[in-house]
Structure formats: C-alpha cells, structure tokens
C-alpha cells in the first residue's frame, strides 16, 4: 500500500508546504492570524498549532518523537501562543519528520498500531500503513483550511500541487 519512498516524498512535500504557508502567514498581523475566521479550529494560529500537535502525537505513537507538551486534544490549538515559537517548532519538527522517514524501513509499514485515543475515549488499533498515510493526509487537510483563510485575506500561499514540489523529480 505504501513504502518508505512514499513517506519520504510526503515528508518533503509537507516541509515545502509548511514553509509556504508560514511564509504567507508572515504577511498577517498576529491579531489576524488569531482572529476567528470560521475555520474548523477557528483561526489560522489555532489550526497551525493543531497540525503540529497532531504530528507530535502521531510520531510519539511510533516512538519517533516525544508527545506534545499538552497531550489533550482539547489543548491542541494552544500548543504555542507565540507566533515565532510556533514557527520555530514547526521548522524543527519538519526536520524530525524528514529524518524519521529517511530511516524508515518497509517493515515499519506492516502490522497494526494500537494506541489510546483521547478523542474516541478508548484504545484503538488500525493498520500502520493507514496511520502513516493519515499523518500526511491530516496535515494536507488542515493546511487547505489555512490556505482558504489566507485567500480570504487576499494572500496567495503559492502552488500546493505535489507534482510541483521541489523534490518531485
């Protein structure tokens, strides 16, 4: 279903897209980034916090990183109040994801992952391959929401299509 090559491609795509989104967000004031614009997590800032939180949570379940400092899903939108701290941690964690996928072996895609889901309130088990795809799909999904809000501000975050990523050759 997936391979280490797929994971490396998606990790680099994510880094590229995160850099584009954060660069576009630099055109906004802190108040604009934190304004409730009707996104699923209300604001750009809250949504970007949630994406980072989820990445940290999922990688911790694969023993590839520490869990987020605020482990409850209800706190996922407030991981970092300060924009510069959020941006720095995003950049750092994108490198963590890339390093993890660079070391990833095909056997890591096999079998199931079992974890306790705070959102579901129970232990869950799903195929590792499905969860690995979800990690990257989740980022893309919520980054699309941020892109929509940016568009509403008249800001074009740039090309988002995977075939145009710098590492797609």
C-alpha atoms as a PDB file:
ATOM      1  CA  UNK A   1       0.000   0.000   0.000  1.00  0.00           C
ATOM      2  CA  UNK A   2       2.756   2.463   0.915  1.00  0.00           C
ATOM      3  CA  UNK A   3       6.541   2.408   1.048  1.00  0.00           C
ATOM      4  CA  UNK A   4       9.426   4.253   2.671  1.00  0.00           C
ATOM      5  CA  UNK A   5       9.827   6.145  -0.612  1.00  0.00           C
ATOM      6  CA  UNK A   6       6.210   7.351  -0.338  1.00  0.00           C
ATOM      7  CA  UNK A   7       6.825   8.520   3.235  1.00  0.00           C
ATOM      8  CA  UNK A   8       9.991  10.402   2.254  1.00  0.00           C
ATOM      9  CA  UNK A   9       8.156  12.090  -0.619  1.00  0.00           C
ATOM     10  CA  UNK A  10       5.308  13.140   1.657  1.00  0.00           C
ATOM     11  CA  UNK A  11       7.656  14.367   4.393  1.00  0.00           C
ATOM     12  CA  UNK A  12       9.469  16.621   1.932  1.00  0.00           C
ATOM     13  CA  UNK A  13       6.184  17.785   0.426  1.00  0.00           C
ATOM     14  CA  UNK A  14       4.939  18.656   3.918  1.00  0.00           C
ATOM     15  CA  UNK A  15       8.078  20.635   4.726  1.00  0.00           C
ATOM     16  CA  UNK A  16       7.746  22.556   1.473  1.00  0.00           C
ATOM     17  CA  UNK A  17       4.067  23.290   2.045  1.00  0.00           C
ATOM     18  CA  UNK A  18       4.530  24.232   5.692  1.00  0.00           C
ATOM     19  CA  UNK A  19       7.280  26.668   4.705  1.00  0.00           C
ATOM     20  CA  UNK A  20       4.963  28.195   2.062  1.00  0.00           C
ATOM     21  CA  UNK A  21       2.039  28.544   4.468  1.00  0.00           C
ATOM     22  CA  UNK A  22       4.117  30.037   7.263  1.00  0.00           C
ATOM     23  CA  UNK A  23       5.764  32.461   4.802  1.00  0.00           C
ATOM     24  CA  UNK A  24       2.307  33.548   3.610  1.00  0.00           C
ATOM     25  CA  UNK A  25       1.138  33.927   7.215  1.00  0.00           C
ATOM     26  CA  UNK A  26       4.027  36.321   7.865  1.00  0.00           C
ATOM     27  CA  UNK A  27       2.067  38.868   5.797  1.00  0.00           C
ATOM     28  CA  UNK A  28      -0.613  38.952   8.512  1.00  0.00           C
ATOM     29  CA  UNK A  29      -0.557  40.577  11.897  1.00  0.00           C
ATOM     30  CA  UNK A  30      -0.637  38.405  14.988  1.00  0.00           C
ATOM     31  CA  UNK A  31      -4.221  39.523  15.561  1.00  0.00           C
ATOM     32  CA  UNK A  32      -5.207  38.486  12.031  1.00  0.00           C
ATOM     33  CA  UNK A  33      -3.590  35.059  12.463  1.00  0.00           C
ATOM     34  CA  UNK A  34      -5.505  34.589  15.731  1.00  0.00           C
ATOM     35  CA  UNK A  35      -8.826  36.011  14.542  1.00  0.00           C
ATOM     36  CA  UNK A  36     -11.733  33.562  14.385  1.00  0.00           C
ATOM     37  CA  UNK A  37     -12.270  33.255  10.640  1.00  0.00           C
ATOM     38  CA  UNK A  38     -14.721  30.367  10.770  1.00  0.00           C
ATOM     39  CA  UNK A  39     -12.165  27.625  10.144  1.00  0.00           C
ATOM     40  CA  UNK A  40     -12.704  24.272  11.840  1.00  0.00           C
ATOM     41  CA  UNK A  41     -10.293  25.317  14.614  1.00  0.00           C
ATOM     42  CA  UNK A  42     -11.393  28.974  14.323  1.00  0.00           C
ATOM     43  CA  UNK A  43      -8.138  30.718  13.414  1.00  0.00           C
ATOM     44  CA  UNK A  44      -5.013  30.230  11.358  1.00  0.00           C
ATOM     45  CA  UNK A  45      -2.881  30.195  14.512  1.00  0.00           C
ATOM     46  CA  UNK A  46      -5.064  27.602  16.243  1.00  0.00           C
ATOM     47  CA  UNK A  47      -5.148  25.404  13.127  1.00  0.00           C
ATOM     48  CA  UNK A  48      -1.374  25.503  12.704  1.00  0.00           C
ATOM     49  CA  UNK A  49      -0.990  24.613  16.390  1.00  0.00           C
ATOM     50  CA  UNK A  50      -3.338  21.662  15.912  1.00  0.00           C
ATOM     51  CA  UNK A  51      -1.415  20.362  12.887  1.00  0.00           C
ATOM     52  CA  UNK A  52       1.857  20.474  14.816  1.00  0.00           C
ATOM     53  CA  UNK A  53       0.241  18.895  17.879  1.00  0.00           C
ATOM     54  CA  UNK A  54      -1.140  16.016  15.806  1.00  0.00           C
ATOM     55  CA  UNK A  55       2.217  15.413  14.118  1.00  0.00           C
ATOM     56  CA  UNK A  56       3.908  15.234  17.500  1.00  0.00           C
ATOM     57  CA  UNK A  57       1.227  12.941  18.873  1.00  0.00           C
ATOM     58  CA  UNK A  58       1.325  10.534  15.938  1.00  0.00           C
ATOM     59  CA  UNK A  59       5.121  10.345  15.807  1.00  0.00           C
ATOM     60  CA  UNK A  60       5.200   9.680  19.547  1.00  0.00           C
ATOM     61  CA  UNK A  61       2.927   6.684  18.925  1.00  0.00           C
ATOM     62  CA  UNK A  62       5.572   5.359  16.549  1.00  0.00           C
ATOM     63  CA  UNK A  63       8.289   6.069  19.172  1.00  0.00           C
ATOM     64  CA  UNK A  64       9.834   8.616  16.805  1.00  0.00           C
ATOM     65  CA  UNK A  65       9.327  11.737  18.953  1.00  0.00           C
ATOM     66  CA  UNK A  66       8.123  12.902  22.327  1.00  0.00           C
ATOM     67  CA  UNK A  67       4.397  13.548  22.709  1.00  0.00           C
ATOM     68  CA  UNK A  68       3.228  17.172  22.665  1.00  0.00           C
ATOM     69  CA  UNK A  69       3.738  19.213  25.839  1.00  0.00           C
ATOM     70  CA  UNK A  70      -0.051  19.490  26.088  1.00  0.00           C
ATOM     71  CA  UNK A  71      -1.275  15.924  25.484  1.00  0.00           C
ATOM     72  CA  UNK A  72      -5.048  16.570  25.499  1.00  0.00           C
ATOM     73  CA  UNK A  73      -6.729  17.077  22.129  1.00  0.00           C
ATOM     74  CA  UNK A  74      -8.672  19.956  23.712  1.00  0.00           C
ATOM     75  CA  UNK A  75      -5.329  21.756  24.140  1.00  0.00           C
ATOM     76  CA  UNK A  76      -4.106  21.051  20.605  1.00  0.00           C
ATOM     77  CA  UNK A  77      -4.929  24.557  19.388  1.00  0.00           C
ATOM     78  CA  UNK A  78      -2.968  26.282  22.148  1.00  0.00           C
ATOM     79  CA  UNK A  79       0.345  24.450  21.981  1.00  0.00           C
ATOM     80  CA  UNK A  80       2.188  27.735  21.277  1.00  0.00           C
ATOM     81  CA  UNK A  81       0.748  31.179  21.932  1.00  0.00           C
ATOM     82  CA  UNK A  82       3.748  32.966  20.413  1.00  0.00           C
ATOM     83  CA  UNK A  83       3.970  33.003  16.605  1.00  0.00           C
ATOM     84  CA  UNK A  84       7.769  32.873  16.442  1.00  0.00           C
ATOM     85  CA  UNK A  85       7.877  29.903  18.831  1.00  0.00           C
ATOM     86  CA  UNK A  86       5.214  28.067  16.790  1.00  0.00           C
ATOM     87  CA  UNK A  87       7.068  28.768  13.560  1.00  0.00           C
ATOM     88  CA  UNK A  88      10.416  27.622  15.002  1.00  0.00           C
ATOM     89  CA  UNK A  89       8.927  24.397  16.369  1.00  0.00           C
ATOM     90  CA  UNK A  90       7.205  23.695  13.041  1.00  0.00           C
ATOM     91  CA  UNK A  91      10.527  24.033  11.225  1.00  0.00           C
ATOM     92  CA  UNK A  92      12.304  21.864  13.789  1.00  0.00           C
ATOM     93  CA  UNK A  93       9.617  19.203  13.730  1.00  0.00           C
ATOM     94  CA  UNK A  94       9.519  19.075   9.935  1.00  0.00           C
ATOM     95  CA  UNK A  95      13.194  18.071  10.114  1.00  0.00           C
ATOM     96  CA  UNK A  96      12.274  15.411  12.698  1.00  0.00           C
ATOM     97  CA  UNK A  97       9.655  14.007  10.316  1.00  0.00           C
ATOM     98  CA  UNK A  98      12.080  14.020   7.388  1.00  0.00           C
ATOM     99  CA  UNK A  99      14.819  12.346   9.445  1.00  0.00           C
ATOM    100  CA  UNK A 100      12.316   9.726  10.631  1.00  0.00           C
ATOM    101  CA  UNK A 101      11.193   8.918   7.091  1.00  0.00           C
ATOM    102  CA  UNK A 102      14.806   8.818   5.880  1.00  0.00           C
ATOM    103  CA  UNK A 103      15.423   5.971   8.361  1.00  0.00           C
ATOM    104  CA  UNK A 104      12.089   4.267   7.769  1.00  0.00           C
ATOM    105  CA  UNK A 105      12.176   0.644   6.635  1.00  0.00           C
ATOM    106  CA  UNK A 106       9.469  -1.206   4.723  1.00  0.00           C
ATOM    107  CA  UNK A 107       8.774  -3.438   7.730  1.00  0.00           C
ATOM    108  CA  UNK A 108       7.623  -0.315   9.620  1.00  0.00           C
ATOM    109  CA  UNK A 109       4.573  -0.193   7.347  1.00  0.00           C
ATOM    110  CA  UNK A 110       3.486  -3.680   8.330  1.00  0.00           C
ATOM    111  CA  UNK A 111       1.195  -4.745  11.127  1.00  0.00           C
ATOM    112  CA  UNK A 112      -1.056  -2.729  13.372  1.00  0.00           C
ATOM    113  CA  UNK A 113      -0.629   0.241  15.674  1.00  0.00           C
ATOM    114  CA  UNK A 114      -2.525   0.278  18.962  1.00  0.00           C
ATOM    115  CA  UNK A 115      -2.928   3.500  20.947  1.00  0.00           C
ATOM    116  CA  UNK A 116      -5.287   5.176  23.339  1.00  0.00           C
ATOM    117  CA  UNK A 117      -7.350   7.799  21.509  1.00  0.00           C
ATOM    118  CA  UNK A 118      -8.375  10.701  23.704  1.00  0.00           C
ATOM    119  CA  UNK A 119     -10.838  11.880  21.061  1.00  0.00           C
ATOM    120  CA  UNK A 120     -12.538   8.484  20.846  1.00  0.00           C
ATOM    121  CA  UNK A 121     -12.100   7.823  24.570  1.00  0.00           C
ATOM    122  CA  UNK A 122     -10.825   4.279  24.007  1.00  0.00           C
ATOM    123  CA  UNK A 123      -7.978   2.136  22.814  1.00  0.00           C
ATOM    124  CA  UNK A 124      -7.835   1.766  19.058  1.00  0.00           C
ATOM    125  CA  UNK A 125      -5.986  -0.497  16.644  1.00  0.00           C
ATOM    126  CA  UNK A 126      -5.514   0.257  12.968  1.00  0.00           C
ATOM    127  CA  UNK A 127      -3.052  -0.835  10.256  1.00  0.00           C
ATOM    128  CA  UNK A 128       0.220   1.083  10.476  1.00  0.00           C
ATOM    129  CA  UNK A 129       0.078   1.802   6.739  1.00  0.00           C
ATOM    130  CA  UNK A 130      -3.279   3.534   7.183  1.00  0.00           C
ATOM    131  CA  UNK A 131      -1.992   5.658  10.066  1.00  0.00           C
ATOM    132  CA  UNK A 132       1.165   6.596   8.162  1.00  0.00           C
ATOM    133  CA  UNK A 133      -0.962   7.872   5.271  1.00  0.00           C
ATOM    134  CA  UNK A 134      -3.229   9.654   7.732  1.00  0.00           C
ATOM    135  CA  UNK A 135      -0.338  11.621   9.248  1.00  0.00           C
ATOM    136  CA  UNK A 136       0.298  13.312   5.917  1.00  0.00           C
ATOM    137  CA  UNK A 137      -3.342  13.496   4.837  1.00  0.00           C
ATOM    138  CA  UNK A 138      -4.227  15.225   8.123  1.00  0.00           C
ATOM    139  CA  UNK A 139      -1.630  17.929   7.535  1.00  0.00           C
ATOM    140  CA  UNK A 140      -2.801  18.484   3.971  1.00  0.00           C
ATOM    141  CA  UNK A 141      -6.438  18.663   5.030  1.00  0.00           C
ATOM    142  CA  UNK A 142      -5.953  21.317   7.693  1.00  0.00           C
ATOM    143  CA  UNK A 143      -3.335  23.232   5.701  1.00  0.00           C
ATOM    144  CA  UNK A 144      -6.003  23.533   2.997  1.00  0.00           C
ATOM    145  CA  UNK A 145      -8.244  25.231   5.548  1.00  0.00           C
ATOM    146  CA  UNK A 146      -5.447  27.674   6.356  1.00  0.00           C
ATOM    147  CA  UNK A 147      -4.958  28.305   2.630  1.00  0.00           C
ATOM    148  CA  UNK A 148      -8.658  29.135   2.299  1.00  0.00           C
ATOM    149  CA  UNK A 149      -8.441  31.671   5.127  1.00  0.00           C
ATOM    150  CA  UNK A 150      -5.298  33.173   3.610  1.00  0.00           C
ATOM    151  CA  UNK A 151      -7.123  33.503   0.281  1.00  0.00           C
ATOM    152  CA  UNK A 152      -9.876  35.358   2.136  1.00  0.00           C
ATOM    153  CA  UNK A 153      -7.215  37.852   3.245  1.00  0.00           C
ATOM    154  CA  UNK A 154      -6.118  38.224  -0.393  1.00  0.00           C
ATOM    155  CA  UNK A 155      -2.896  36.263   0.165  1.00  0.00           C
ATOM    156  CA  UNK A 156      -1.827  33.585  -2.293  1.00  0.00           C
ATOM    157  CA  UNK A 157       0.244  30.952  -0.462  1.00  0.00           C
ATOM    158  CA  UNK A 158       1.525  29.593  -3.775  1.00  0.00           C
ATOM    159  CA  UNK A 159       1.396  26.289  -5.578  1.00  0.00           C
ATOM    160  CA  UNK A 160       0.245  23.334  -3.481  1.00  0.00           C
ATOM    161  CA  UNK A 161       0.261  20.508  -6.032  1.00  0.00           C
ATOM    162  CA  UNK A 162       2.519  17.581  -5.197  1.00  0.00           C
ATOM    163  CA  UNK A 163       3.941  17.202  -8.747  1.00  0.00           C
ATOM    164  CA  UNK A 164       5.321  20.763  -8.494  1.00  0.00           C
ATOM    165  CA  UNK A 165       7.148  20.260  -5.208  1.00  0.00           C
ATOM    166  CA  UNK A 166      10.891  20.810  -5.436  1.00  0.00           C
ATOM    167  CA  UNK A 167      11.610  17.150  -4.572  1.00  0.00           C
ATOM    168  CA  UNK A 168       9.145  15.599  -7.045  1.00  0.00           C
ATOM    169  CA  UNK A 169      11.701  14.880  -9.734  1.00  0.00           C
END
